[in-house]
PDB file of N, CA and C in Angstrom:
ATOM      1  N   MET A   1       0.843  -1.163   0.000  1.00  0.00           N
ATOM      2  CA  MET A   1       0.000   0.000   0.000  1.00  0.00           C
ATOM      3  C   MET A   1       0.893   1.231   0.000  1.00  0.00           C
ATOM      4  N   LYS A   2       0.404   2.308  -0.544  1.00  0.00           N
ATOM      5  CA  LYS A   2       1.159   3.556  -0.598  1.00  0.00           C
ATOM      6  C   LYS A   2       0.707   4.473   0.526  1.00  0.00           C
ATOM      7  N   ILE A   3       1.696   4.921   1.310  1.00  0.00           N
ATOM      8  CA  ILE A   3       1.437   5.871   2.390  1.00  0.00           C
ATOM      9  C   ILE A   3       2.470   6.993   2.302  1.00  0.00           C
ATOM     10  N   VAL A   4       2.309   7.980   3.162  1.00  0.00           N
ATOM     11  CA  VAL A   4       3.318   9.022   3.318  1.00  0.00           C
ATOM     12  C   VAL A   4       3.866   8.879   4.734  1.00  0.00           C
ATOM     13  N   LEU A   5       5.159   8.576   4.827  1.00  0.00           N
ATOM     14  CA  LEU A   5       5.804   8.352   6.120  1.00  0.00           C
ATOM     15  C   LEU A   5       6.795   9.466   6.381  1.00  0.00           C
ATOM     16  N   ASN A   6       6.534  10.244   7.420  1.00  0.00           N
ATOM     17  CA  ASN A   6       7.392  11.387   7.769  1.00  0.00           C
ATOM     18  C   ASN A   6       7.636  12.288   6.557  1.00  0.00           C
ATOM     19  N   GLY A   7       6.566  12.523   5.799  1.00  0.00           N
ATOM     20  CA  GLY A   7       6.628  13.454   4.675  1.00  0.00           C
ATOM     21  C   GLY A   7       7.126  12.864   3.373  1.00  0.00           C
ATOM     22  N   GLU A   8       7.514  11.581   3.376  1.00  0.00           N
ATOM     23  CA  GLU A   8       8.048  10.939   2.169  1.00  0.00           C
ATOM     24  C   GLU A   8       7.111   9.828   1.706  1.00  0.00           C
ATOM     25  N   PRO A   9       6.727   9.835   0.425  1.00  0.00           N
ATOM     26  CA  PRO A   9       5.895   8.740  -0.073  1.00  0.00           C
ATOM     27  C   PRO A   9       6.663   7.416  -0.030  1.00  0.00           C
ATOM     28  N   CYS A  10       5.985   6.346   0.357  1.00  0.00           N
ATOM     29  CA  CYS A  10       6.628   5.036   0.348  1.00  0.00           C
ATOM     30  C   CYS A  10       5.583   3.946   0.178  1.00  0.00           C
ATOM     31  N   GLU A  11       6.056   2.804  -0.248  1.00  0.00           N
ATOM     32  CA  GLU A  11       5.211   1.619  -0.440  1.00  0.00           C
ATOM     33  C   GLU A  11       5.564   0.633   0.659  1.00  0.00           C
ATOM     34  N   VAL A  12       4.552   0.149   1.379  1.00  0.00           N
ATOM     35  CA  VAL A  12       4.781  -0.774   2.487  1.00  0.00           C
ATOM     36  C   VAL A  12       3.829  -1.960   2.397  1.00  0.00           C
ATOM     37  N   ALA A  13       4.218  -3.053   3.042  1.00  0.00           N
ATOM     38  CA  ALA A  13       3.366  -4.237   3.108  1.00  0.00           C
ATOM     39  C   ALA A  13       2.523  -4.246   4.384  1.00  0.00           C
ATOM     40  N   ALA A  14       2.929  -3.473   5.385  1.00  0.00           N
ATOM     41  CA  ALA A  14       2.265  -3.468   6.692  1.00  0.00           C
ATOM     42  C   ALA A  14       0.807  -3.048   6.570  1.00  0.00           C
ATOM     43  N   GLU A  15      -0.031  -3.699   7.382  1.00  0.00           N
ATOM     44  CA  GLU A  15      -1.448  -3.356   7.408  1.00  0.00           C
ATOM     45  C   GLU A  15      -1.854  -2.642   8.688  1.00  0.00           C
ATOM     46  N   THR A  16      -0.970  -2.685   9.706  1.00  0.00           N
ATOM     47  CA  THR A  16      -1.255  -1.978  10.960  1.00  0.00           C
ATOM     48  C   THR A  16      -0.088  -1.054  11.283  1.00  0.00           C
ATOM     49  N   LEU A  17      -0.342  -0.125  12.171  1.00  0.00           N
ATOM     50  CA  LEU A  17       0.703   0.816  12.559  1.00  0.00           C
ATOM     51  C   LEU A  17       1.863   0.088  13.247  1.00  0.00           C
ATOM     52  N   ALA A  18       1.560  -0.885  14.093  1.00  0.00           N
ATOM     53  CA  ALA A  18       2.624  -1.642  14.766  1.00  0.00           C
ATOM     54  C   ALA A  18       3.480  -2.392  13.746  1.00  0.00           C
ATOM     55  N   ALA A  19       2.855  -2.997  12.752  1.00  0.00           N
ATOM     56  CA  ALA A  19       3.598  -3.717  11.713  1.00  0.00           C
ATOM     57  C   ALA A  19       4.445  -2.752  10.887  1.00  0.00           C
ATOM     58  N   LEU A  20       3.947  -1.558  10.658  1.00  0.00           N
ATOM     59  CA  LEU A  20       4.717  -0.548   9.921  1.00  0.00           C
ATOM     60  C   LEU A  20       5.979  -0.177  10.681  1.00  0.00           C
ATOM     61  N   LEU A  21       5.878   0.024  11.984  1.00  0.00           N
ATOM     62  CA  LEU A  21       7.050   0.361  12.786  1.00  0.00           C
ATOM     63  C   LEU A  21       8.096  -0.742  12.698  1.00  0.00           C
ATOM     64  N   ASP A  22       7.650  -1.997  12.762  1.00  0.00           N
ATOM     65  CA  ASP A  22       8.578  -3.132  12.627  1.00  0.00           C
ATOM     66  C   ASP A  22       9.203  -3.155  11.235  1.00  0.00           C
ATOM     67  N   GLU A  23       8.359  -3.019  10.218  1.00  0.00           N
ATOM     68  CA  GLU A  23       8.834  -3.089   8.832  1.00  0.00           C
ATOM     69  C   GLU A  23       9.878  -2.012   8.532  1.00  0.00           C
ATOM     70  N   CYS A  24       9.678  -0.834   9.093  1.00  0.00           N
ATOM     71  CA  CYS A  24      10.571   0.292   8.800  1.00  0.00           C
ATOM     72  C   CYS A  24      11.723   0.425   9.787  1.00  0.00           C
ATOM     73  N   GLY A  25      11.803  -0.483  10.756  1.00  0.00           N
ATOM     74  CA  GLY A  25      12.946  -0.514  11.662  1.00  0.00           C
ATOM     75  C   GLY A  25      12.902   0.477  12.808  1.00  0.00           C
ATOM     76  N   PHE A  26      11.725   0.981  13.137  1.00  0.00           N
ATOM     77  CA  PHE A  26      11.622   1.881  14.288  1.00  0.00           C
ATOM     78  C   PHE A  26      11.598   1.036  15.548  1.00  0.00           C
ATOM     79  N   SER A  27      12.413   1.413  16.526  1.00  0.00           N
ATOM     80  CA  SER A  27      12.432   0.673  17.783  1.00  0.00           C
ATOM     81  C   SER A  27      12.541   1.660  18.929  1.00  0.00           C
ATOM     82  N   GLY A  28      12.335   1.163  20.112  1.00  0.00           N
ATOM     83  CA  GLY A  28      12.391   2.036  21.276  1.00  0.00           C
ATOM     84  C   GLY A  28      11.131   2.871  21.400  1.00  0.00           C
ATOM     85  N   ARG A  29      11.242   3.930  22.159  1.00  0.00           N
ATOM     86  CA  ARG A  29      10.087   4.794  22.408  1.00  0.00           C
ATOM     87  C   ARG A  29       9.933   5.793  21.267  1.00  0.00           C
ATOM     88  N   VAL A  30       8.774   5.764  20.643  1.00  0.00           N
ATOM     89  CA  VAL A  30       8.448   6.721  19.594  1.00  0.00           C
ATOM     90  C   VAL A  30       7.013   7.185  19.792  1.00  0.00           C
ATOM     91  N   ALA A  31       6.708   8.349  19.258  1.00  0.00           N
ATOM     92  CA  ALA A  31       5.337   8.856  19.223  1.00  0.00           C
ATOM     93  C   ALA A  31       4.836   8.699  17.801  1.00  0.00           C
ATOM     94  N   THR A  32       3.556   8.352  17.658  1.00  0.00           N
ATOM     95  CA  THR A  32       3.007   8.121  16.326  1.00  0.00           C
ATOM     96  C   THR A  32       1.722   8.909  16.122  1.00  0.00           C
ATOM     97  N   ALA A  33       1.525   9.330  14.880  1.00  0.00           N
ATOM     98  CA  ALA A  33       0.287   9.989  14.477  1.00  0.00           C
ATOM     99  C   ALA A  33      -0.076   9.489  13.085  1.00  0.00           C
ATOM    100  N   VAL A  34      -1.366   9.320  12.859  1.00  0.00           N
ATOM    101  CA  VAL A  34      -1.865   8.940  11.543  1.00  0.00           C
ATOM    102  C   VAL A  34      -2.900   9.986  11.139  1.00  0.00           C
ATOM    103  N   ASN A  35      -2.678  10.592   9.990  1.00  0.00           N
ATOM    104  CA  ASN A  35      -3.559  11.647   9.485  1.00  0.00           C
ATOM    105  C   ASN A  35      -3.778  12.740  10.530  1.00  0.00           C
ATOM    106  N   GLU A  36      -2.681  13.117  11.178  1.00  0.00           N
ATOM    107  CA  GLU A  36      -2.615  14.201  12.159  1.00  0.00           C
ATOM    108  C   GLU A  36      -3.304  13.883  13.484  1.00  0.00           C
ATOM    109  N   GLY A  37      -3.659  12.616  13.706  1.00  0.00           N
ATOM    110  CA  GLY A  37      -4.260  12.215  14.972  1.00  0.00           C
ATOM    111  C   GLY A  37      -3.305  11.308  15.739  1.00  0.00           C
ATOM    112  N   PHE A  38      -3.002  11.669  16.992  1.00  0.00           N
ATOM    113  CA  PHE A  38      -2.095  10.891  17.834  1.00  0.00           C
ATOM    114  C   PHE A  38      -2.622   9.470  18.015  1.00  0.00           C
ATOM    115  N   VAL A  39      -1.734   8.483  17.915  1.00  0.00           N
ATOM    116  CA  VAL A  39      -2.095   7.075  18.167  1.00  0.00           C
ATOM    117  C   VAL A  39      -1.197   6.572  19.291  1.00  0.00           C
ATOM    118  N   PRO A  40      -1.757   6.326  20.485  1.00  0.00           N
ATOM    119  CA  PRO A  40      -0.944   5.837  21.593  1.00  0.00           C
ATOM    120  C   PRO A  40      -0.406   4.434  21.319  1.00  0.00           C
ATOM    121  N   SER A  41       0.701   4.113  21.975  1.00  0.00           N
ATOM    122  CA  SER A  41       1.360   2.830  21.735  1.00  0.00           C
ATOM    123  C   SER A  41       0.436   1.644  21.995  1.00  0.00           C
ATOM    124  N   SER A  42      -0.464   1.753  22.937  1.00  0.00           N
ATOM    125  CA  SER A  42      -1.361   0.645  23.262  1.00  0.00           C
ATOM    126  C   SER A  42      -2.367   0.337  22.146  1.00  0.00           C
ATOM    127  N   LEU A  43      -2.566   1.276  21.225  1.00  0.00           N
ATOM    128  CA  LEU A  43      -3.542   1.078  20.147  1.00  0.00           C
ATOM    129  C   LEU A  43      -2.911   0.781  18.786  1.00  0.00           C
ATOM    130  N   ARG A  44      -1.594   0.755  18.713  1.00  0.00           N
ATOM    131  CA  ARG A  44      -0.918   0.584  17.414  1.00  0.00           C
ATOM    132  C   ARG A  44      -1.180  -0.776  16.776  1.00  0.00           C
ATOM    133  N   VAL A  45      -1.269  -1.823  17.591  1.00  0.00           N
ATOM    134  CA  VAL A  45      -1.478  -3.170  17.047  1.00  0.00           C
ATOM    135  C   VAL A  45      -2.812  -3.241  16.295  1.00  0.00           C
ATOM    136  N   GLY A  46      -3.825  -2.581  16.793  1.00  0.00           N
ATOM    137  CA  GLY A  46      -5.146  -2.632  16.173  1.00  0.00           C
ATOM    138  C   GLY A  46      -5.438  -1.501  15.205  1.00  0.00           C
ATOM    139  N   HIS A  47      -4.506  -0.558  15.069  1.00  0.00           N
ATOM    140  CA  HIS A  47      -4.761   0.590  14.185  1.00  0.00           C
ATOM    141  C   HIS A  47      -4.424   0.216  12.742  1.00  0.00           C
ATOM    142  N   ARG A  48      -5.460  -0.025  11.946  1.00  0.00           N
ATOM    143  CA  ARG A  48      -5.267  -0.422  10.557  1.00  0.00           C
ATOM    144  C   ARG A  48      -4.927   0.784   9.699  1.00  0.00           C
ATOM    145  N   LEU A  49      -4.000   0.566   8.771  1.00  0.00           N
ATOM    146  CA  LEU A  49      -3.600   1.614   7.837  1.00  0.00           C
ATOM    147  C   LEU A  49      -4.398   1.485   6.543  1.00  0.00           C
ATOM    148  N   ASN A  50      -4.591   2.615   5.883  1.00  0.00           N
ATOM    149  CA  ASN A  50      -5.280   2.661   4.605  1.00  0.00           C
ATOM    150  C   ASN A  50      -4.381   3.308   3.569  1.00  0.00           C
ATOM    151  N   ASP A  51      -4.601   2.951   2.327  1.00  0.00           N
ATOM    152  CA  ASP A  51      -3.859   3.549   1.228  1.00  0.00           C
ATOM    153  C   ASP A  51      -3.975   5.076   1.313  1.00  0.00           C
ATOM    154  N   GLY A  52      -2.845   5.763   1.232  1.00  0.00           N
ATOM    155  CA  GLY A  52      -2.836   7.222   1.270  1.00  0.00           C
ATOM    156  C   GLY A  52      -2.719   7.843   2.649  1.00  0.00           C
ATOM    157  N   ASP A  53      -2.693   7.023   3.715  1.00  0.00           N
ATOM    158  CA  ASP A  53      -2.549   7.575   5.067  1.00  0.00           C
ATOM    159  C   ASP A  53      -1.240   8.344   5.193  1.00  0.00           C
ATOM    160  N   ARG A  54      -1.278   9.380   6.025  1.00  0.00           N
ATOM    161  CA  ARG A  54      -0.085  10.159   6.357  1.00  0.00           C
ATOM    162  C   ARG A  54       0.329   9.779   7.778  1.00  0.00           C
ATOM    163  N   VAL A  55       1.505   9.162   7.890  1.00  0.00           N
ATOM    164  CA  VAL A  55       1.995   8.654   9.175  1.00  0.00           C
ATOM    165  C   VAL A  55       3.228   9.460   9.587  1.00  0.00           C
ATOM    166  N   GLU A  56       3.242   9.891  10.839  1.00  0.00           N
ATOM    167  CA  GLU A  56       4.404  10.582  11.406  1.00  0.00           C
ATOM    168  C   GLU A  56       4.914   9.746  12.573  1.00  0.00           C
ATOM    169  N   VAL A  57       6.226   9.529  12.593  1.00  0.00           N
ATOM    170  CA  VAL A  57       6.867   8.810  13.689  1.00  0.00           C
ATOM    171  C   VAL A  57       7.963   9.715  14.236  1.00  0.00           C
ATOM    172  N   LEU A  58       7.860  10.036  15.519  1.00  0.00           N
ATOM    173  CA  LEU A  58       8.815  10.933  16.152  1.00  0.00           C
ATOM    174  C   LEU A  58       9.505  10.225  17.312  1.00  0.00           C
ATOM    175  N   ALA A  59      10.831  10.373  17.349  1.00  0.00           N
ATOM    176  CA  ALA A  59      11.620   9.792  18.432  1.00  0.00           C
ATOM    177  C   ALA A  59      12.196  10.918  19.269  1.00  0.00           C
ATOM    178  N   PRO A  60      12.265  10.722  20.592  1.00  0.00           N
ATOM    179  CA  PRO A  60      12.858  11.753  21.438  1.00  0.00           C
ATOM    180  C   PRO A  60      14.344  11.911  21.119  1.00  0.00           C
ATOM    181  N   MET A  61      14.822  13.150  21.235  1.00  0.00           N
ATOM    182  CA  MET A  61      16.238  13.439  20.971  1.00  0.00           C
ATOM    183  C   MET A  61      16.879  13.963  22.243  1.00  0.00           C
ATOM    184  N   GLN A  62      18.118  13.599  22.424  1.00  0.00           N
ATOM    185  CA  GLN A  62      18.844  14.039  23.612  1.00  0.00           C
ATOM    186  C   GLN A  62      19.682  15.255  23.230  1.00  0.00           C
ATOM    187  N   GLY A  63      19.826  16.138  24.139  1.00  0.00           N
ATOM    188  CA  GLY A  63      20.651  17.314  23.881  1.00  0.00           C
ATOM    189  C   GLY A  63      20.081  18.542  24.555  1.00  0.00           C
ATOM    190  N   GLY A  64      20.698  19.652  24.301  1.00  0.00           N
ATOM    191  CA  GLY A  64      20.191  20.839  24.987  1.00  0.00           C
ATOM    192  C   GLY A  64      20.684  22.072  24.451  1.00  0.00           C
TER     193      GLY A  64
END
């Protein structure tokens, strides 16, 4: 399916947000949003993706 991940178009096989994170190699603590709506980590396994969804994945950064 075709989605937009962090502003870049991409083709993925994942059907859920949790599977997308695995497929794209995201690990550790991240924040996720689909179509500008926050998706908590507890709901990622059941959050189904649709063709054309806009997904943002943000990881905390250290520094100051």
